[in-house]
Structures are given as C-alpha cells and as structure tokens.
Amino acid sequence: MGYYLRVIRFDHRNPMRALFVLSLSLLFGTATAADDPAFDYLPGRQMRSINVEGQDLPVLVRPWEGKNQHGAAIIFADTGFGPDAPGLVAYLRDGLSPTGWASISMTPPKSPPHPSFTTMPEEITKAGEGQLNTPAAKAMDKYTPEEWQKHMETQQGFVETSLAGLSQIGAAYPGKRILIAMDRSAALILNLLNDGKVAPPDLLVIINPYSNSPEFDERLPGLVAVQEVPVLDIQSPDGNTASLANAPLRRAAASTKDSMQYRQLTLSLNISEPDAWAEVLSVLRGFAISIKEAPVQ
C-alpha cells in the first residue's frame, strides 16, 4: 500500500484522537486524494491515489468483504467522468466487493476539448462559393484525422500510465483481474490491448464501446474479435448511437467464439433503472466463475 505525509495538529484536549488518525493513515495508505472535498462522502480507507503525468489522481478502492477473495476488478468509467461516476460505475464499485472481487475504480482520461470553428472576417463575404464541401446529410467533422489521432494517443497514454501505476494498490488483492471499461474508455482499452501496451486481464467487460471517430469505430468489431481473453460485451438500448450501430457488427465479428469466450447482452442501463444494474452484476459474477478457478498465469 502507498504512504504519504500528512500534517496532523495534536489537540491538547484529545491527543489520542490525533494518534488514532495518524495510525489509520499509515494502516490504510490513505492518499492525498482523500483531501478532495468531492469524496468526503466516502470512508477515508477507500481513497488512494496514483501519479499520472505528474499529477496525483484519485483511485477508489473497496476491499474484499467476506471469505471469498478472487482478485480485483478494475473499473474505467467513460472519459471525462470521475472514478465515482453515478449509475452503473458506482453500483459495481460497491456491489463487487461482497462477491469476492475488490473494486479499483480509476480516474478516466479527459474527453477531447470541444472544437471551435472560427470564420475569418474576409471569408464571410464568400458565401455561395462552395467553401463547405461536407454533404448536407453528413455532420461536420469535429476534428481532422491528425487532431483525432493526437487526442487518441494522449488518452491512451493516460490509461497506459494509470494501469502501470496500480502495482502497489493491486498487490494487496492477489488473484485474477477483471477489467471493466465503459463507452469511450472501452474503445481506448481495446486498442491498447490490441497493441500489447497493457497486460491482458483474465476477463474483459466492455459496456457501450464507441469513440468519437467514425474511422476508429469501424475498427472496433475487429478489435473485439481478436481478444484472446473472455469478453463480456454489454450494450444498452440507451447507449450512444455509435455503439448501438456497432453492436451487431461486434457480435458478428466474434461469432466463431464460444459462449464462454464472447457473450453480448442487451441490458438497459439508464440511471433511472437501477434494477438493470443488478442484472449486470449478476451476469458479470456468472461469467467470472469460468476464470476464478483457472490457474493464475
């Protein structure tokens, strides 16, 4: 577990309380992220941090509960969200722990900045000269291919560095590894796994995978099909339109795999339907049975 320096002022009226706080800090390795008021609602012992690109970022850890100790599930919410993203992320983070899987919820990479389209004053008078080449039925591209490639490389570098920084935290929970990634983070994870830049988990769970690049989305079915680890592919009817369009292609690309190597399920994951979150947890637990008894590589 990690350690950090924390300044504690001893209260002359209750010095034992300060000693108790100091002891807990050392015992649980509470990270500097615990001082973030956004996480005040969480027990301090669930807070950790890792350094990514010179910045301490919060990692939320919920230890095993009960006698079962299978390993750890690493969770990446959609890009631009936090490690405690509301909805399914928060539900899985709490729900996995009693089933024998410690949950390690990561800070996802930031989403690319919103593009701004600027028209120079001298261009305004050129209306009707055909300067817009985009067909009327097609949305204007947000980024050039070069800009998008740069965004992807930045985000993938963030995820790669984050996973590499988990060694101390993950060492407390030996065993199997489940990697759960959602939305745009799922696309980043698939590409990193395909390029061999991150260690493959024992089970990969992708939820509504897509990216902001149509060209990259075309590659997603192939990236799913080539995974050598079991893949649980969950698609929500209220997911992004790109992931919805991609779902049948992902299923078709992985059609040669048996049901314990690839399985796609359609489950509603709207934040107003928490019953579906319980179904995700149930399916995930069932799928994990096939890996928890296998020898550790």
C-alpha atoms as a PDB file:
ATOM      1  CA  MET A   1       0.000   0.000   0.000  1.00  0.00           C
ATOM      2  CA  GLY A   2       1.123   3.590  -0.587  1.00  0.00           C
ATOM      3  CA  TYR A   3       2.077   6.024   2.120  1.00  0.00           C
ATOM      4  CA  TYR A   4       2.071   9.806   2.191  1.00  0.00           C
ATOM      5  CA  LEU A   5       2.946  12.588   4.583  1.00  0.00           C
ATOM      6  CA  ARG A   6       0.013  14.134   6.342  1.00  0.00           C
ATOM      7  CA  VAL A   7       0.287  17.044   8.777  1.00  0.00           C
ATOM      8  CA  ILE A   8      -1.714  16.455  11.941  1.00  0.00           C
ATOM      9  CA  ARG A   9      -2.086  19.038  14.689  1.00  0.00           C
ATOM     10  CA  PHE A  10      -2.370  17.460  18.101  1.00  0.00           C
ATOM     11  CA  ASP A  11      -5.299  18.730  20.103  1.00  0.00           C
ATOM     12  CA  HIS A  12      -4.128  19.137  23.698  1.00  0.00           C
ATOM     13  CA  ARG A  13      -7.643  18.270  24.802  1.00  0.00           C
ATOM     14  CA  ASN A  14      -7.710  14.969  22.910  1.00  0.00           C
ATOM     15  CA  PRO A  15      -4.207  13.888  21.819  1.00  0.00           C
ATOM     16  CA  MET A  16      -5.234  10.227  21.461  1.00  0.00           C
ATOM     17  CA  ARG A  17      -7.647  11.133  18.669  1.00  0.00           C
ATOM     18  CA  ALA A  18      -4.796  12.597  16.610  1.00  0.00           C
ATOM     19  CA  LEU A  19      -2.709   9.480  17.198  1.00  0.00           C
ATOM     20  CA  PHE A  20      -5.639   7.355  16.069  1.00  0.00           C
ATOM     21  CA  VAL A  21      -5.994   9.353  12.834  1.00  0.00           C
ATOM     22  CA  LEU A  22      -2.277   9.020  12.163  1.00  0.00           C
ATOM     23  CA  SER A  23      -2.423   5.260  12.733  1.00  0.00           C
ATOM     24  CA  LEU A  24      -5.314   4.857  10.308  1.00  0.00           C
ATOM     25  CA  SER A  25      -3.466   6.886   7.668  1.00  0.00           C
ATOM     26  CA  LEU A  26      -0.479   4.553   7.846  1.00  0.00           C
ATOM     27  CA  LEU A  27      -2.548   1.395   8.069  1.00  0.00           C
ATOM     28  CA  PHE A  28      -4.763   2.026   5.076  1.00  0.00           C
ATOM     29  CA  GLY A  29      -2.363   4.091   2.984  1.00  0.00           C
ATOM     30  CA  THR A  30      -4.884   6.909   2.609  1.00  0.00           C
ATOM     31  CA  ALA A  31      -3.825   9.038  -0.357  1.00  0.00           C
ATOM     32  CA  THR A  32      -3.710  12.763  -0.866  1.00  0.00           C
ATOM     33  CA  ALA A  33      -6.890  12.438  -2.929  1.00  0.00           C
ATOM     34  CA  ALA A  34      -8.694  11.859   0.371  1.00  0.00           C
ATOM     35  CA  ASP A  35      -8.435  15.596   0.961  1.00  0.00           C
ATOM     36  CA  ASP A  36     -10.583  16.267  -2.115  1.00  0.00           C
ATOM     37  CA  PRO A  37     -13.969  17.505  -0.809  1.00  0.00           C
ATOM     38  CA  ALA A  38     -15.682  15.795  -3.766  1.00  0.00           C
ATOM     39  CA  PHE A  39     -15.065  12.464  -1.999  1.00  0.00           C
ATOM     40  CA  ASP A  40     -15.984  13.498   1.537  1.00  0.00           C
ATOM     41  CA  TYR A  41     -18.923  11.094   1.482  1.00  0.00           C
ATOM     42  CA  LEU A  42     -16.593   8.085   1.190  1.00  0.00           C
ATOM     43  CA  PRO A  43     -14.776   6.344   4.042  1.00  0.00           C
ATOM     44  CA  GLY A  44     -11.175   7.529   4.058  1.00  0.00           C
ATOM     45  CA  ARG A  45      -9.842   3.994   3.804  1.00  0.00           C
ATOM     46  CA  GLN A  46     -11.304   3.695   0.289  1.00  0.00           C
ATOM     47  CA  MET A  47      -9.148   6.549  -1.004  1.00  0.00           C
ATOM     48  CA  ARG A  48      -5.872   6.034  -2.822  1.00  0.00           C
ATOM     49  CA  SER A  49      -4.004   7.985  -5.449  1.00  0.00           C
ATOM     50  CA  ILE A  50      -1.562   7.312  -8.260  1.00  0.00           C
ATOM     51  CA  ASN A  51       0.702   9.742 -10.043  1.00  0.00           C
ATOM     52  CA  VAL A  52      -0.091  10.102 -13.728  1.00  0.00           C
ATOM     53  CA  GLU A  53       1.866  12.576 -15.816  1.00  0.00           C
ATOM     54  CA  GLY A  54       2.988  14.457 -12.704  1.00  0.00           C
ATOM     55  CA  GLN A  55      -0.478  14.709 -11.178  1.00  0.00           C
ATOM     56  CA  ASP A  56      -1.917  12.786  -8.214  1.00  0.00           C
ATOM     57  CA  LEU A  57      -5.228  11.312  -9.318  1.00  0.00           C
ATOM     58  CA  PRO A  58      -7.830   9.596  -7.118  1.00  0.00           C
ATOM     59  CA  VAL A  59      -8.341   5.846  -7.199  1.00  0.00           C
ATOM     60  CA  LEU A  60     -11.257   4.444  -5.212  1.00  0.00           C
ATOM     61  CA  VAL A  61     -10.654   1.032  -3.669  1.00  0.00           C
ATOM     62  CA  ARG A  62     -13.270  -1.090  -1.984  1.00  0.00           C
ATOM     63  CA  PRO A  63     -11.593  -4.122  -0.349  1.00  0.00           C
ATOM     64  CA  TRP A  64     -12.865  -7.669  -0.262  1.00  0.00           C
ATOM     65  CA  GLU A  65     -15.753  -8.410   2.067  1.00  0.00           C
ATOM     66  CA  GLY A  66     -16.436 -11.875   3.396  1.00  0.00           C
ATOM     67  CA  LYS A  67     -14.423 -15.057   2.972  1.00  0.00           C
ATOM     68  CA  ASN A  68     -14.146 -15.066  -0.845  1.00  0.00           C
ATOM     69  CA  GLN A  69     -11.036 -13.424  -2.267  1.00  0.00           C
ATOM     70  CA  HIS A  70     -10.880 -13.989  -6.017  1.00  0.00           C
ATOM     71  CA  GLY A  71      -8.917 -10.940  -7.133  1.00  0.00           C
ATOM     72  CA  ALA A  72      -9.715  -7.403  -8.239  1.00  0.00           C
ATOM     73  CA  ALA A  73     -11.959  -5.669 -10.776  1.00  0.00           C
ATOM     74  CA  ILE A  74     -10.502  -2.509 -12.318  1.00  0.00           C
ATOM     75  CA  ILE A  75     -13.165  -0.048 -13.476  1.00  0.00           C
ATOM     76  CA  PHE A  76     -12.838   2.775 -16.018  1.00  0.00           C
ATOM     77  CA  ALA A  77     -15.901   4.999 -16.429  1.00  0.00           C
ATOM     78  CA  ASP A  78     -16.477   6.956 -19.637  1.00  0.00           C
ATOM     79  CA  THR A  79     -13.897   9.602 -20.482  1.00  0.00           C
ATOM     80  CA  GLY A  80     -14.480  12.907 -18.740  1.00  0.00           C
ATOM     81  CA  PHE A  81     -16.153  11.335 -15.698  1.00  0.00           C
ATOM     82  CA  GLY A  82     -14.734  10.613 -12.255  1.00  0.00           C
ATOM     83  CA  PRO A  83     -13.880   7.324 -10.541  1.00  0.00           C
ATOM     84  CA  ASP A  84     -17.203   7.545  -8.669  1.00  0.00           C
ATOM     85  CA  ALA A  85     -19.346   8.216 -11.749  1.00  0.00           C
ATOM     86  CA  PRO A  86     -23.042   7.859 -10.842  1.00  0.00           C
ATOM     87  CA  GLY A  87     -25.092   4.947 -12.083  1.00  0.00           C
ATOM     88  CA  LEU A  88     -23.560   1.633 -13.052  1.00  0.00           C
ATOM     89  CA  VAL A  89     -19.994   2.563 -12.080  1.00  0.00           C
ATOM     90  CA  ALA A  90     -20.954   3.408  -8.505  1.00  0.00           C
ATOM     91  CA  TYR A  91     -23.173   0.315  -8.307  1.00  0.00           C
ATOM     92  CA  LEU A  92     -20.468  -2.094  -9.481  1.00  0.00           C
ATOM     93  CA  ARG A  93     -17.859  -0.430  -7.305  1.00  0.00           C
ATOM     94  CA  ASP A  94     -19.912  -1.255  -4.221  1.00  0.00           C
ATOM     95  CA  GLY A  95     -21.550  -4.467  -5.445  1.00  0.00           C
ATOM     96  CA  LEU A  96     -18.450  -6.411  -6.489  1.00  0.00           C
ATOM     97  CA  SER A  97     -16.765  -6.237  -3.106  1.00  0.00           C
ATOM     98  CA  PRO A  98     -19.108  -8.621  -1.233  1.00  0.00           C
ATOM     99  CA  THR A  99     -18.754 -11.186  -4.057  1.00  0.00           C
ATOM    100  CA  GLY A 100     -15.027 -11.644  -3.552  1.00  0.00           C
ATOM    101  CA  TRP A 101     -13.730  -9.075  -6.045  1.00  0.00           C
ATOM    102  CA  ALA A 102     -12.054  -5.956  -4.671  1.00  0.00           C
ATOM    103  CA  SER A 103     -13.063  -2.995  -6.835  1.00  0.00           C
ATOM    104  CA  ILE A 104     -10.461  -0.498  -8.027  1.00  0.00           C
ATOM    105  CA  SER A 105     -12.159   2.447  -9.722  1.00  0.00           C
ATOM    106  CA  MET A 106      -9.816   4.573 -11.823  1.00  0.00           C
ATOM    107  CA  THR A 107      -9.915   8.203 -12.896  1.00  0.00           C
ATOM    108  CA  PRO A 108     -10.666   8.045 -16.645  1.00  0.00           C
ATOM    109  CA  PRO A 109      -8.866  10.257 -19.153  1.00  0.00           C
ATOM    110  CA  LYS A 110     -10.334  13.633 -20.026  1.00  0.00           C
ATOM    111  CA  SER A 111     -12.502  13.982 -23.105  1.00  0.00           C
ATOM    112  CA  PRO A 112     -11.016  15.939 -26.012  1.00  0.00           C
ATOM    113  CA  PRO A 113     -11.742  19.680 -25.864  1.00  0.00           C
ATOM    114  CA  HIS A 114     -14.791  20.866 -27.742  1.00  0.00           C
ATOM    115  CA  PRO A 115     -13.716  22.146 -31.132  1.00  0.00           C
ATOM    116  CA  SER A 116     -14.375  25.755 -32.058  1.00  0.00           C
ATOM    117  CA  PHE A 117     -14.998  26.724 -35.652  1.00  0.00           C
ATOM    118  CA  THR A 118     -13.783  30.222 -36.495  1.00  0.00           C
ATOM    119  CA  THR A 119     -14.697  32.091 -39.657  1.00  0.00           C
ATOM    120  CA  MET A 120     -12.314  34.845 -40.665  1.00  0.00           C
ATOM    121  CA  PRO A 121     -13.999  38.190 -41.490  1.00  0.00           C
ATOM    122  CA  GLU A 122     -12.810  38.101 -45.084  1.00  0.00           C
ATOM    123  CA  GLU A 123     -14.451  34.706 -45.567  1.00  0.00           C
ATOM    124  CA  ILE A 124     -17.939  35.932 -44.639  1.00  0.00           C
ATOM    125  CA  THR A 125     -18.379  37.693 -47.987  1.00  0.00           C
ATOM    126  CA  LYS A 126     -17.619  34.498 -49.897  1.00  0.00           C
ATOM    127  CA  ALA A 127     -20.980  32.833 -49.327  1.00  0.00           C
ATOM    128  CA  GLY A 128     -22.056  30.619 -52.179  1.00  0.00           C
ATOM    129  CA  GLU A 129     -18.543  29.921 -53.401  1.00  0.00           C
ATOM    130  CA  GLY A 130     -18.665  26.290 -52.328  1.00  0.00           C
ATOM    131  CA  GLN A 131     -16.261  26.576 -49.441  1.00  0.00           C
ATOM    132  CA  LEU A 132     -18.208  23.925 -47.494  1.00  0.00           C
ATOM    133  CA  ASN A 133     -17.583  20.513 -49.021  1.00  0.00           C
ATOM    134  CA  THR A 134     -19.494  18.487 -46.426  1.00  0.00           C
ATOM    135  CA  PRO A 135     -22.712  16.924 -47.823  1.00  0.00           C
ATOM    136  CA  ALA A 136     -25.930  18.286 -46.347  1.00  0.00           C
ATOM    137  CA  ALA A 137     -26.841  14.908 -44.822  1.00  0.00           C
ATOM    138  CA  LYS A 138     -23.465  14.492 -43.073  1.00  0.00           C
ATOM    139  CA  ALA A 139     -22.455  16.195 -39.838  1.00  0.00           C
ATOM    140  CA  MET A 140     -19.372  18.406 -39.961  1.00  0.00           C
ATOM    141  CA  ASP A 141     -16.291  16.582 -38.715  1.00  0.00           C
ATOM    142  CA  LYS A 142     -15.303  17.746 -35.229  1.00  0.00           C
ATOM    143  CA  TYR A 143     -11.611  17.101 -35.727  1.00  0.00           C
ATOM    144  CA  THR A 144      -9.223  16.477 -38.566  1.00  0.00           C
ATOM    145  CA  PRO A 145      -7.775  12.939 -38.697  1.00  0.00           C
ATOM    146  CA  GLU A 146      -4.476  14.330 -37.420  1.00  0.00           C
ATOM    147  CA  GLU A 147      -6.169  16.083 -34.473  1.00  0.00           C
ATOM    148  CA  TRP A 148      -8.127  12.987 -33.587  1.00  0.00           C
ATOM    149  CA  GLN A 149      -5.019  10.795 -33.715  1.00  0.00           C
ATOM    150  CA  LYS A 150      -3.299  13.177 -31.313  1.00  0.00           C
ATOM    151  CA  HIS A 151      -6.280  13.092 -28.906  1.00  0.00           C
ATOM    152  CA  MET A 152      -6.348   9.297 -29.005  1.00  0.00           C
ATOM    153  CA  GLU A 153      -2.632   9.000 -28.329  1.00  0.00           C
ATOM    154  CA  THR A 154      -2.915  11.382 -25.363  1.00  0.00           C
ATOM    155  CA  GLN A 155      -5.844   9.463 -23.865  1.00  0.00           C
ATOM    156  CA  GLN A 156      -4.258   6.063 -24.455  1.00  0.00           C
ATOM    157  CA  GLY A 157      -1.019   7.232 -22.853  1.00  0.00           C
ATOM    158  CA  PHE A 158      -3.032   8.331 -19.814  1.00  0.00           C
ATOM    159  CA  VAL A 159      -4.733   4.922 -19.486  1.00  0.00           C
ATOM    160  CA  GLU A 160      -1.483   3.031 -20.052  1.00  0.00           C
ATOM    161  CA  THR A 161       0.315   5.038 -17.371  1.00  0.00           C
ATOM    162  CA  SER A 162      -2.626   4.667 -14.974  1.00  0.00           C
ATOM    163  CA  LEU A 163      -2.668   0.880 -15.240  1.00  0.00           C
ATOM    164  CA  ALA A 164       1.106   0.726 -14.864  1.00  0.00           C
ATOM    165  CA  GLY A 165       0.811   2.713 -11.625  1.00  0.00           C
ATOM    166  CA  LEU A 166      -1.505   0.204  -9.964  1.00  0.00           C
ATOM    167  CA  SER A 167       1.180  -2.244  -8.851  1.00  0.00           C
ATOM    168  CA  GLN A 168       1.190  -1.225  -5.193  1.00  0.00           C
ATOM    169  CA  ILE A 169      -2.579  -0.989  -4.901  1.00  0.00           C
ATOM    170  CA  GLY A 170      -3.247  -4.216  -6.784  1.00  0.00           C
ATOM    171  CA  ALA A 171      -0.637  -6.148  -4.807  1.00  0.00           C
ATOM    172  CA  ALA A 172      -2.975  -6.072  -1.811  1.00  0.00           C
ATOM    173  CA  TYR A 173      -5.525  -8.107  -3.821  1.00  0.00           C
ATOM    174  CA  PRO A 174      -3.724 -11.025  -5.485  1.00  0.00           C
ATOM    175  CA  GLY A 175      -5.613 -13.295  -7.845  1.00  0.00           C
ATOM    176  CA  LYS A 176      -7.498 -12.771 -11.071  1.00  0.00           C
ATOM    177  CA  ARG A 177      -8.122  -9.472 -12.818  1.00  0.00           C
ATOM    178  CA  ILE A 178     -11.353  -8.222 -14.350  1.00  0.00           C
ATOM    179  CA  LEU A 179     -11.079  -5.082 -16.471  1.00  0.00           C
ATOM    180  CA  ILE A 180     -14.359  -3.170 -16.881  1.00  0.00           C
ATOM    181  CA  ALA A 181     -14.412  -0.259 -19.317  1.00  0.00           C
ATOM    182  CA  MET A 182     -17.318   1.872 -20.468  1.00  0.00           C
ATOM    183  CA  ASP A 183     -18.171   3.920 -23.531  1.00  0.00           C
ATOM    184  CA  ARG A 184     -15.144   5.770 -24.947  1.00  0.00           C
ATOM    185  CA  SER A 185     -12.823   4.307 -22.314  1.00  0.00           C
ATOM    186  CA  ALA A 186     -13.746   0.844 -23.625  1.00  0.00           C
ATOM    187  CA  ALA A 187     -12.566   1.807 -27.111  1.00  0.00           C
ATOM    188  CA  LEU A 188      -9.254   3.038 -25.691  1.00  0.00           C
ATOM    189  CA  ILE A 189      -8.750  -0.175 -23.701  1.00  0.00           C
ATOM    190  CA  LEU A 190      -9.487  -2.359 -26.746  1.00  0.00           C
ATOM    191  CA  ASN A 191      -6.893  -0.517 -28.797  1.00  0.00           C
ATOM    192  CA  LEU A 192      -4.269  -0.688 -26.043  1.00  0.00           C
ATOM    193  CA  LEU A 193      -4.842  -4.421 -25.616  1.00  0.00           C
ATOM    194  CA  ASN A 194      -4.588  -4.932 -29.362  1.00  0.00           C
ATOM    195  CA  ASP A 195      -1.272  -3.049 -29.445  1.00  0.00           C
ATOM    196  CA  GLY A 196       0.064  -5.023 -26.473  1.00  0.00           C
ATOM    197  CA  LYS A 197       0.582  -1.861 -24.423  1.00  0.00           C
ATOM    198  CA  VAL A 198      -1.298  -3.084 -21.338  1.00  0.00           C
ATOM    199  CA  ALA A 199      -1.350  -6.508 -19.734  1.00  0.00           C
ATOM    200  CA  PRO A 200      -4.422  -8.530 -20.716  1.00  0.00           C
ATOM    201  CA  PRO A 201      -6.869  -9.173 -17.880  1.00  0.00           C
ATOM    202  CA  ASP A 202      -8.437 -12.536 -17.115  1.00  0.00           C
ATOM    203  CA  LEU A 203     -11.833 -11.150 -18.139  1.00  0.00           C
ATOM    204  CA  LEU A 204     -12.633  -8.057 -20.203  1.00  0.00           C
ATOM    205  CA  VAL A 205     -16.013  -6.353 -19.787  1.00  0.00           C
ATOM    206  CA  ILE A 206     -16.886  -3.670 -22.344  1.00  0.00           C
ATOM    207  CA  ILE A 207     -20.047  -1.584 -21.978  1.00  0.00           C
ATOM    208  CA  ASN A 208     -21.409   0.513 -24.872  1.00  0.00           C
ATOM    209  CA  PRO A 209     -17.980   0.800 -26.566  1.00  0.00           C
ATOM    210  CA  TYR A 210     -17.538   3.598 -29.089  1.00  0.00           C
ATOM    211  CA  SER A 211     -15.294   6.540 -29.912  1.00  0.00           C
ATOM    212  CA  ASN A 212     -15.777   9.993 -31.381  1.00  0.00           C
ATOM    213  CA  SER A 213     -14.013   8.877 -34.545  1.00  0.00           C
ATOM    214  CA  PRO A 214     -16.109   7.066 -37.211  1.00  0.00           C
ATOM    215  CA  GLU A 215     -12.911   5.591 -38.634  1.00  0.00           C
ATOM    216  CA  PHE A 216     -11.970   4.129 -35.269  1.00  0.00           C
ATOM    217  CA  ASP A 217     -15.489   2.806 -34.720  1.00  0.00           C
ATOM    218  CA  GLU A 218     -15.136   0.834 -37.941  1.00  0.00           C
ATOM    219  CA  ARG A 219     -12.196  -0.992 -36.367  1.00  0.00           C
ATOM    220  CA  LEU A 220     -13.974  -1.825 -33.106  1.00  0.00           C
ATOM    221  CA  PRO A 221     -15.591  -5.129 -34.200  1.00  0.00           C
ATOM    222  CA  GLY A 222     -12.216  -6.445 -35.309  1.00  0.00           C
ATOM    223  CA  LEU A 223     -10.582  -5.328 -32.048  1.00  0.00           C
ATOM    224  CA  VAL A 224     -13.218  -7.234 -30.084  1.00  0.00           C
ATOM    225  CA  ALA A 225     -12.861 -10.367 -32.214  1.00  0.00           C
ATOM    226  CA  VAL A 226      -9.073 -10.644 -31.809  1.00  0.00           C
ATOM    227  CA  GLN A 227      -9.106 -10.566 -27.998  1.00  0.00           C
ATOM    228  CA  GLU A 228      -7.618 -13.758 -26.595  1.00  0.00           C
ATOM    229  CA  VAL A 229      -9.300 -13.303 -23.208  1.00  0.00           C
ATOM    230  CA  PRO A 230     -13.013 -13.866 -22.475  1.00  0.00           C
ATOM    231  CA  VAL A 231     -15.080 -10.803 -23.383  1.00  0.00           C
ATOM    232  CA  LEU A 232     -18.431  -9.820 -21.892  1.00  0.00           C
ATOM    233  CA  ASP A 233     -19.976  -7.238 -24.237  1.00  0.00           C
ATOM    234  CA  ILE A 234     -22.915  -5.308 -22.771  1.00  0.00           C
ATOM    235  CA  GLN A 235     -24.962  -2.999 -24.951  1.00  0.00           C
ATOM    236  CA  SER A 236     -27.627  -0.666 -23.616  1.00  0.00           C
ATOM    237  CA  PRO A 237     -30.569   0.439 -25.792  1.00  0.00           C
ATOM    238  CA  ASP A 238     -29.983   3.954 -24.487  1.00  0.00           C
ATOM    239  CA  GLY A 239     -26.260   3.854 -25.272  1.00  0.00           C
ATOM    240  CA  ASN A 240     -24.532   6.134 -27.740  1.00  0.00           C
ATOM    241  CA  THR A 241     -25.807   5.784 -31.308  1.00  0.00           C
ATOM    242  CA  ALA A 242     -22.323   4.766 -32.461  1.00  0.00           C
ATOM    243  CA  SER A 243     -22.188   1.848 -30.008  1.00  0.00           C
ATOM    244  CA  LEU A 244     -25.727   0.826 -30.971  1.00  0.00           C
ATOM    245  CA  ALA A 245     -24.821   0.766 -34.653  1.00  0.00           C
ATOM    246  CA  ASN A 246     -21.660  -1.154 -33.844  1.00  0.00           C
ATOM    247  CA  ALA A 247     -23.240  -3.820 -31.630  1.00  0.00           C
ATOM    248  CA  PRO A 248     -24.400  -6.251 -34.374  1.00  0.00           C
ATOM    249  CA  LEU A 249     -21.029  -5.895 -36.099  1.00  0.00           C
ATOM    250  CA  ARG A 250     -19.178  -6.756 -32.879  1.00  0.00           C
ATOM    251  CA  ARG A 251     -21.383  -9.786 -32.375  1.00  0.00           C
ATOM    252  CA  ALA A 252     -20.877 -10.946 -35.970  1.00  0.00           C
ATOM    253  CA  ALA A 253     -17.105 -10.472 -35.821  1.00  0.00           C
ATOM    254  CA  ALA A 254     -16.893 -12.673 -32.708  1.00  0.00           C
ATOM    255  CA  SER A 255     -19.391 -15.272 -33.948  1.00  0.00           C
ATOM    256  CA  THR A 256     -16.753 -18.024 -34.132  1.00  0.00           C
ATOM    257  CA  LYS A 257     -16.074 -17.806 -30.396  1.00  0.00           C
ATOM    258  CA  ASP A 258     -17.983 -19.985 -27.929  1.00  0.00           C
ATOM    259  CA  SER A 259     -20.241 -18.509 -25.262  1.00  0.00           C
ATOM    260  CA  MET A 260     -17.513 -18.562 -22.613  1.00  0.00           C
ATOM    261  CA  GLN A 261     -15.123 -16.617 -24.825  1.00  0.00           C
ATOM    262  CA  TYR A 262     -17.550 -13.975 -26.025  1.00  0.00           C
ATOM    263  CA  ARG A 263     -21.040 -13.049 -24.972  1.00  0.00           C
ATOM    264  CA  GLN A 264     -23.091  -9.999 -25.906  1.00  0.00           C
ATOM    265  CA  LEU A 265     -26.076  -8.948 -23.826  1.00  0.00           C
ATOM    266  CA  THR A 266     -28.596  -6.147 -24.275  1.00  0.00           C
ATOM    267  CA  LEU A 267     -29.448  -4.538 -20.939  1.00  0.00           C
ATOM    268  CA  SER A 268     -30.998  -1.171 -20.204  1.00  0.00           C
ATOM    269  CA  LEU A 269     -28.582   0.842 -18.093  1.00  0.00           C
ATOM    270  CA  ASN A 270     -30.431   4.127 -17.775  1.00  0.00           C
ATOM    271  CA  ILE A 271     -29.658   5.849 -14.491  1.00  0.00           C
ATOM    272  CA  SER A 272     -33.373   5.702 -13.618  1.00  0.00           C
ATOM    273  CA  GLU A 273     -33.449   1.882 -13.893  1.00  0.00           C
ATOM    274  CA  PRO A 274     -31.185   0.526 -11.137  1.00  0.00           C
ATOM    275  CA  ASP A 275     -32.751  -2.941 -11.406  1.00  0.00           C
ATOM    276  CA  ALA A 276     -30.765  -3.438 -14.604  1.00  0.00           C
ATOM    277  CA  TRP A 277     -27.545  -2.660 -12.756  1.00  0.00           C
ATOM    278  CA  ALA A 278     -28.173  -5.667 -10.509  1.00  0.00           C
ATOM    279  CA  GLU A 279     -28.574  -7.807 -13.619  1.00  0.00           C
ATOM    280  CA  VAL A 280     -25.207  -6.600 -14.921  1.00  0.00           C
ATOM    281  CA  LEU A 281     -23.589  -7.566 -11.616  1.00  0.00           C
ATOM    282  CA  SER A 282     -25.272 -10.982 -11.717  1.00  0.00           C
ATOM    283  CA  VAL A 283     -24.140 -11.666 -15.287  1.00  0.00           C
ATOM    284  CA  LEU A 284     -20.635 -10.474 -14.523  1.00  0.00           C
ATOM    285  CA  ARG A 285     -20.388 -12.754 -11.493  1.00  0.00           C
ATOM    286  CA  GLY A 286     -21.604 -15.712 -13.521  1.00  0.00           C
ATOM    287  CA  PHE A 287     -19.154 -15.048 -16.325  1.00  0.00           C
ATOM    288  CA  ALA A 288     -16.314 -14.669 -13.808  1.00  0.00           C
ATOM    289  CA  ILE A 289     -16.914 -18.187 -12.490  1.00  0.00           C
ATOM    290  CA  SER A 290     -15.131 -19.511 -15.551  1.00  0.00           C
ATOM    291  CA  ILE A 291     -11.933 -17.628 -14.709  1.00  0.00           C
ATOM    292  CA  LYS A 292     -11.699 -17.595 -10.930  1.00  0.00           C
ATOM    293  CA  GLU A 293     -10.843 -21.306 -10.660  1.00  0.00           C
ATOM    294  CA  ALA A 294      -8.320 -21.276 -13.512  1.00  0.00           C
ATOM    295  CA  PRO A 295      -4.632 -21.227 -12.581  1.00  0.00           C
ATOM    296  CA  VAL A 296      -3.113 -17.784 -12.152  1.00  0.00           C
ATOM    297  CA  GLN A 297      -0.788 -17.030 -15.068  1.00  0.00           C
END
